Amino acid sequence: MELDNLTLTEIIARLRKLADEIRVQAQAGTTPA
């Protein structure tokens, strides 16, 4: 299906966004001191 490529691109973009957010949270020091 042609929609598969679009869906995969969307999923990858969302995963990248989540990864960036997790990195920001980790750098902010969400871990208990």
PDB file of N, CA and C in Angstrom:
ATOM      1  N   MET A   1       0.838  -1.215   0.000  1.00  0.00           N
ATOM      2  CA  MET A   1       0.000   0.000   0.000  1.00  0.00           C
ATOM      3  C   MET A   1       0.870   1.261   0.000  1.00  0.00           C
ATOM      4  N   GLU A   2       0.394   2.307  -0.642  1.00  0.00           N
ATOM      5  CA  GLU A   2       1.162   3.546  -0.694  1.00  0.00           C
ATOM      6  C   GLU A   2       1.108   4.292   0.640  1.00  0.00           C
ATOM      7  N   LEU A   3       0.051   4.017   1.424  1.00  0.00           N
ATOM      8  CA  LEU A   3      -0.103   4.721   2.704  1.00  0.00           C
ATOM      9  C   LEU A   3       0.922   4.238   3.722  1.00  0.00           C
ATOM     10  N   ASP A   4       1.471   3.051   3.509  1.00  0.00           N
ATOM     11  CA  ASP A   4       2.430   2.506   4.482  1.00  0.00           C
ATOM     12  C   ASP A   4       3.614   3.452   4.673  1.00  0.00           C
ATOM     13  N   ASN A   5       4.160   3.979   3.560  1.00  0.00           N
ATOM     14  CA  ASN A   5       5.315   4.878   3.671  1.00  0.00           C
ATOM     15  C   ASN A   5       4.959   6.110   4.481  1.00  0.00           C
ATOM     16  N   LEU A   6       3.799   6.702   4.200  1.00  0.00           N
ATOM     17  CA  LEU A   6       3.383   7.899   4.940  1.00  0.00           C
ATOM     18  C   LEU A   6       3.261   7.574   6.413  1.00  0.00           C
ATOM     19  N   THR A   7       2.642   6.442   6.708  1.00  0.00           N
ATOM     20  CA  THR A   7       2.441   6.071   8.115  1.00  0.00           C
ATOM     21  C   THR A   7       3.791   5.889   8.808  1.00  0.00           C
ATOM     22  N   LEU A   8       4.716   5.193   8.140  1.00  0.00           N
ATOM     23  CA  LEU A   8       6.033   4.966   8.744  1.00  0.00           C
ATOM     24  C   LEU A   8       6.727   6.284   9.008  1.00  0.00           C
ATOM     25  N   THR A   9       6.654   7.204   8.058  1.00  0.00           N
ATOM     26  CA  THR A   9       7.297   8.517   8.236  1.00  0.00           C
ATOM     27  C   THR A   9       6.695   9.226   9.436  1.00  0.00           C
ATOM     28  N   GLU A  10       5.365   9.141   9.548  1.00  0.00           N
ATOM     29  CA  GLU A  10       4.691   9.799  10.672  1.00  0.00           C
ATOM     30  C   GLU A  10       5.148   9.189  11.994  1.00  0.00           C
ATOM     31  N   ILE A  11       5.181   7.863  12.039  1.00  0.00           N
ATOM     32  CA  ILE A  11       5.580   7.171  13.275  1.00  0.00           C
ATOM     33  C   ILE A  11       7.012   7.550  13.652  1.00  0.00           C
ATOM     34  N   ILE A  12       7.902   7.559  12.670  1.00  0.00           N
ATOM     35  CA  ILE A  12       9.301   7.898  12.943  1.00  0.00           C
ATOM     36  C   ILE A  12       9.398   9.315  13.477  1.00  0.00           C
ATOM     37  N   ALA A  13       8.659  10.233  12.870  1.00  0.00           N
ATOM     38  CA  ALA A  13       8.691  11.633  13.320  1.00  0.00           C
ATOM     39  C   ALA A  13       8.224  11.723  14.765  1.00  0.00           C
ATOM     40  N   ARG A  14       7.164  10.985  15.079  1.00  0.00           N
ATOM     41  CA  ARG A  14       6.639  11.034  16.453  1.00  0.00           C
ATOM     42  C   ARG A  14       7.646  10.434  17.428  1.00  0.00           C
ATOM     43  N   LEU A  15       8.304   9.341  17.015  1.00  0.00           N
ATOM     44  CA  LEU A  15       9.286   8.712  17.901  1.00  0.00           C
ATOM     45  C   LEU A  15      10.441   9.670  18.163  1.00  0.00           C
ATOM     46  N   ARG A  16      10.844  10.393  17.115  1.00  0.00           N
ATOM     47  CA  ARG A  16      11.943  11.349  17.282  1.00  0.00           C
ATOM     48  C   ARG A  16      11.539  12.428  18.265  1.00  0.00           C
ATOM     49  N   LYS A  17      10.288  12.890  18.152  1.00  0.00           N
ATOM     50  CA  LYS A  17       9.796  13.933  19.074  1.00  0.00           C
ATOM     51  C   LYS A  17       9.842  13.407  20.499  1.00  0.00           C
ATOM     52  N   LEU A  18       9.364  12.187  20.706  1.00  0.00           N
ATOM     53  CA  LEU A  18       9.357  11.613  22.056  1.00  0.00           C
ATOM     54  C   LEU A  18      10.784  11.485  22.578  1.00  0.00           C
ATOM     55  N   ALA A  19      11.691  11.045  21.733  1.00  0.00           N
ATOM     56  CA  ALA A  19      13.086  10.878  22.153  1.00  0.00           C
ATOM     57  C   ALA A  19      13.666  12.218  22.578  1.00  0.00           C
ATOM     58  N   ASP A  20      13.365  13.274  21.810  1.00  0.00           N
ATOM     59  CA  ASP A  20      13.868  14.605  22.162  1.00  0.00           C
ATOM     60  C   ASP A  20      13.318  15.031  23.513  1.00  0.00           C
ATOM     61  N   GLU A  21      12.032  14.802  23.732  1.00  0.00           N
ATOM     62  CA  GLU A  21      11.416  15.201  25.001  1.00  0.00           C
ATOM     63  C   GLU A  21      12.063  14.458  26.160  1.00  0.00           C
ATOM     64  N   ILE A  22      12.318  13.164  25.965  1.00  0.00           N
ATOM     65  CA  ILE A  22      12.935  12.366  27.035  1.00  0.00           C
ATOM     66  C   ILE A  22      14.335  12.900  27.328  1.00  0.00           C
ATOM     67  N   ARG A  23      15.069  13.276  26.273  1.00  0.00           N
ATOM     68  CA  ARG A  23      16.432  13.808  26.460  1.00  0.00           C
ATOM     69  C   ARG A  23      16.363  15.090  27.291  1.00  0.00           C
ATOM     70  N   VAL A  24      15.426  15.957  26.942  1.00  0.00           N
ATOM     71  CA  VAL A  24      15.293  17.236  27.665  1.00  0.00           C
ATOM     72  C   VAL A  24      14.989  16.964  29.133  1.00  0.00           C
ATOM     73  N   GLN A  25      14.077  16.042  29.378  1.00  0.00           N
ATOM     74  CA  GLN A  25      13.711  15.725  30.763  1.00  0.00           C
ATOM     75  C   GLN A  25      14.906  15.140  31.504  1.00  0.00           C
ATOM     76  N   ALA A  26      15.665  14.287  30.840  1.00  0.00           N
ATOM     77  CA  ALA A  26      16.829  13.667  31.482  1.00  0.00           C
ATOM     78  C   ALA A  26      17.872  14.732  31.808  1.00  0.00           C
ATOM     79  N   GLN A  27      18.088  15.666  30.888  1.00  0.00           N
ATOM     80  CA  GLN A  27      19.070  16.729  31.117  1.00  0.00           C
ATOM     81  C   GLN A  27      18.587  17.667  32.225  1.00  0.00           C
ATOM     82  N   ALA A  28      17.269  17.822  32.343  1.00  0.00           N
ATOM     83  CA  ALA A  28      16.716  18.726  33.364  1.00  0.00           C
ATOM     84  C   ALA A  28      16.927  18.127  34.761  1.00  0.00           C
ATOM     85  N   GLY A  29      17.192  16.826  34.810  1.00  0.00           N
ATOM     86  CA  GLY A  29      17.461  16.195  36.112  1.00  0.00           C
ATOM     87  C   GLY A  29      16.183  15.734  36.785  1.00  0.00           C
ATOM     88  N   THR A  30      15.416  14.874  36.087  1.00  0.00           N
ATOM     89  CA  THR A  30      14.167  14.384  36.671  1.00  0.00           C
ATOM     90  C   THR A  30      14.466  13.334  37.742  1.00  0.00           C
ATOM     91  N   THR A  31      15.711  12.830  37.744  1.00  0.00           N
ATOM     92  CA  THR A  31      16.067  11.805  38.730  1.00  0.00           C
ATOM     93  C   THR A  31      16.227  12.444  40.105  1.00  0.00           C
ATOM     94  N   PRO A  32      15.756  11.786  41.134  1.00  0.00           N
ATOM     95  CA  PRO A  32      15.849  12.321  42.503  1.00  0.00           C
ATOM     96  C   PRO A  32      17.302  12.533  42.914  1.00  0.00           C
ATOM     97  N   ALA A  33      17.591  13.669  43.522  1.00  0.00           N
ATOM     98  CA  ALA A  33      18.970  13.974  43.931  1.00  0.00           C
ATOM     99  C   ALA A  33      19.428  12.987  45.006  1.00  0.00           C
TER     100      ALA A  33
END
